[in-house]
């Protein structure tokens, strides 16, 4: 199993769906490793994590996600095969939007 810990900002509010397997919340985050590059990740959270995501997360919030991931392929509307990473949440934390100066002062 592949594990990942990643941070980023939500690109939209999470969406909740009910399935036979339980509740699922889906959302995506944007991760900026450098000023020149932004990567997007699709996130799925199940059951209690799904409820927590719906209750506490909203567009623009910064989060840290820990979980497993897999690569999925899909065909876009232009007919090109694309790949994306989907992260299944094990835990997540939302971060303050405050910028902390060096030395820990705000």
Protein backbone atom coordinates (compact mmCIF):
# COMPACT_ATOMS: atom_id res chain seq x y z
CA UNK A 1 0.00 0.00 0.00
CA UNK A 2 1.31 3.46 -0.89
CA UNK A 3 1.15 6.12 1.83
CA UNK A 4 1.29 9.90 1.51
CA UNK A 5 1.23 13.00 3.68
CA UNK A 6 0.48 16.19 1.76
CA UNK A 7 -0.76 19.69 2.41
CA UNK A 8 -2.71 22.05 0.24
CA UNK A 9 -5.76 24.28 -0.05
CA UNK A 10 -9.24 23.06 -0.89
CA UNK A 11 -10.28 24.05 -4.40
CA UNK A 12 -14.01 23.72 -3.56
CA UNK A 13 -16.28 22.71 -0.69
CA UNK A 14 -16.41 18.94 -0.04
CA UNK A 15 -19.39 17.06 -1.51
CA UNK A 16 -21.10 14.29 0.47
CA UNK A 17 -22.67 11.20 -1.08
CA UNK A 18 -24.25 8.08 0.41
CA UNK A 19 -23.29 4.69 -1.02
CA UNK A 20 -23.92 1.09 -0.02
CA UNK A 21 -20.45 1.13 1.57
CA UNK A 22 -21.25 4.25 3.63
CA UNK A 23 -20.82 8.00 3.41
CA UNK A 24 -18.15 9.45 1.15
CA UNK A 25 -16.93 13.03 0.90
CA UNK A 26 -14.99 14.08 -2.18
CA UNK A 27 -12.91 17.20 -2.67
CA UNK A 28 -9.62 18.30 -4.19
CA UNK A 29 -6.62 20.22 -2.95
CA UNK A 30 -4.04 22.33 -4.72
CA UNK A 31 -0.43 21.87 -3.60
CA UNK A 32 2.19 24.50 -4.46
CA UNK A 33 5.66 23.03 -3.99
CA UNK A 34 7.18 25.90 -5.92
CA UNK A 35 5.95 29.25 -7.17
CA UNK A 36 5.97 27.88 -10.72
CA UNK A 37 4.09 24.63 -10.17
CA UNK A 38 0.71 23.70 -8.75
CA UNK A 39 -0.48 20.10 -8.56
CA UNK A 40 -4.06 19.03 -7.86
CA UNK A 41 -5.08 15.93 -5.91
CA UNK A 42 -8.50 14.30 -5.65
CA UNK A 43 -9.39 13.33 -2.09
CA UNK A 44 -11.95 10.82 -0.78
CA UNK A 45 -12.94 10.53 2.87
CA UNK A 46 -15.19 7.75 4.17
CA UNK A 47 -17.78 7.61 6.97
CA UNK A 48 -16.63 9.54 10.09
CA UNK A 49 -13.87 11.28 8.12
CA UNK A 50 -16.46 12.22 5.49
CA UNK A 51 -18.76 13.71 8.13
CA UNK A 52 -15.86 15.60 9.70
CA UNK A 53 -14.75 16.95 6.30
CA UNK A 54 -18.27 18.20 5.50
CA UNK A 55 -18.60 19.80 8.92
CA UNK A 56 -15.21 21.52 9.13
CA UNK A 57 -13.72 22.06 5.66
CA UNK A 58 -14.49 24.68 3.04
CA UNK A 59 -12.98 26.13 -0.12
CA UNK A 60 -9.63 27.84 0.45
CA UNK A 61 -8.81 26.19 3.78
CA UNK A 62 -5.34 24.76 4.20
CA UNK A 63 -5.26 21.08 5.21
CA UNK A 64 -2.78 18.29 5.82
CA UNK A 65 -3.95 14.92 4.53
CA UNK A 66 -2.46 11.54 5.48
CA UNK A 67 -3.61 8.40 3.73
CA UNK A 68 -3.12 5.92 0.94
CA UNK A 69 -3.12 6.79 -2.74
CA UNK A 70 -3.51 5.27 -6.14
CA UNK A 71 -3.22 6.45 -9.71
CA UNK A 72 -6.37 6.39 -11.83
CA UNK A 73 -6.75 6.81 -15.57
CA UNK A 74 -9.64 8.50 -17.32
CA UNK A 75 -10.49 9.83 -20.76
CA UNK A 76 -11.12 13.58 -20.93
CA UNK A 77 -13.81 15.14 -23.16
CA UNK A 78 -11.25 15.57 -25.96
CA UNK A 79 -10.61 11.82 -25.95
CA UNK A 80 -7.15 11.95 -24.37
CA UNK A 81 -6.23 9.47 -21.64
CA UNK A 82 -5.18 11.31 -18.48
CA UNK A 83 -3.85 10.15 -15.11
CA UNK A 84 -4.69 11.52 -11.67
CA UNK A 85 -3.85 10.61 -8.08
CA UNK A 86 -6.69 9.83 -5.69
CA UNK A 87 -5.90 9.99 -1.98
CA UNK A 88 -8.04 8.03 0.52
CA UNK A 89 -7.99 9.89 3.83
CA UNK A 90 -6.84 8.13 6.98
CA UNK A 91 -6.44 11.37 8.96
CA UNK A 92 -6.53 15.07 8.22
CA UNK A 93 -5.95 18.33 10.03
CA UNK A 94 -6.89 21.84 9.05
CA UNK A 95 -4.29 24.54 9.52
CA UNK A 96 -4.47 28.15 10.61
CA UNK A 97 -4.33 30.73 7.87
CA UNK A 98 -1.98 32.85 10.01
CA UNK A 99 1.53 33.36 8.76
CA UNK A 100 4.06 32.67 11.47
CA UNK A 101 7.30 34.65 11.40
CA UNK A 102 10.64 33.04 12.12
CA UNK A 103 11.05 32.50 15.84
CA UNK A 104 7.38 31.55 16.27
CA UNK A 105 5.92 35.05 16.62
CA UNK A 106 2.77 36.00 14.74
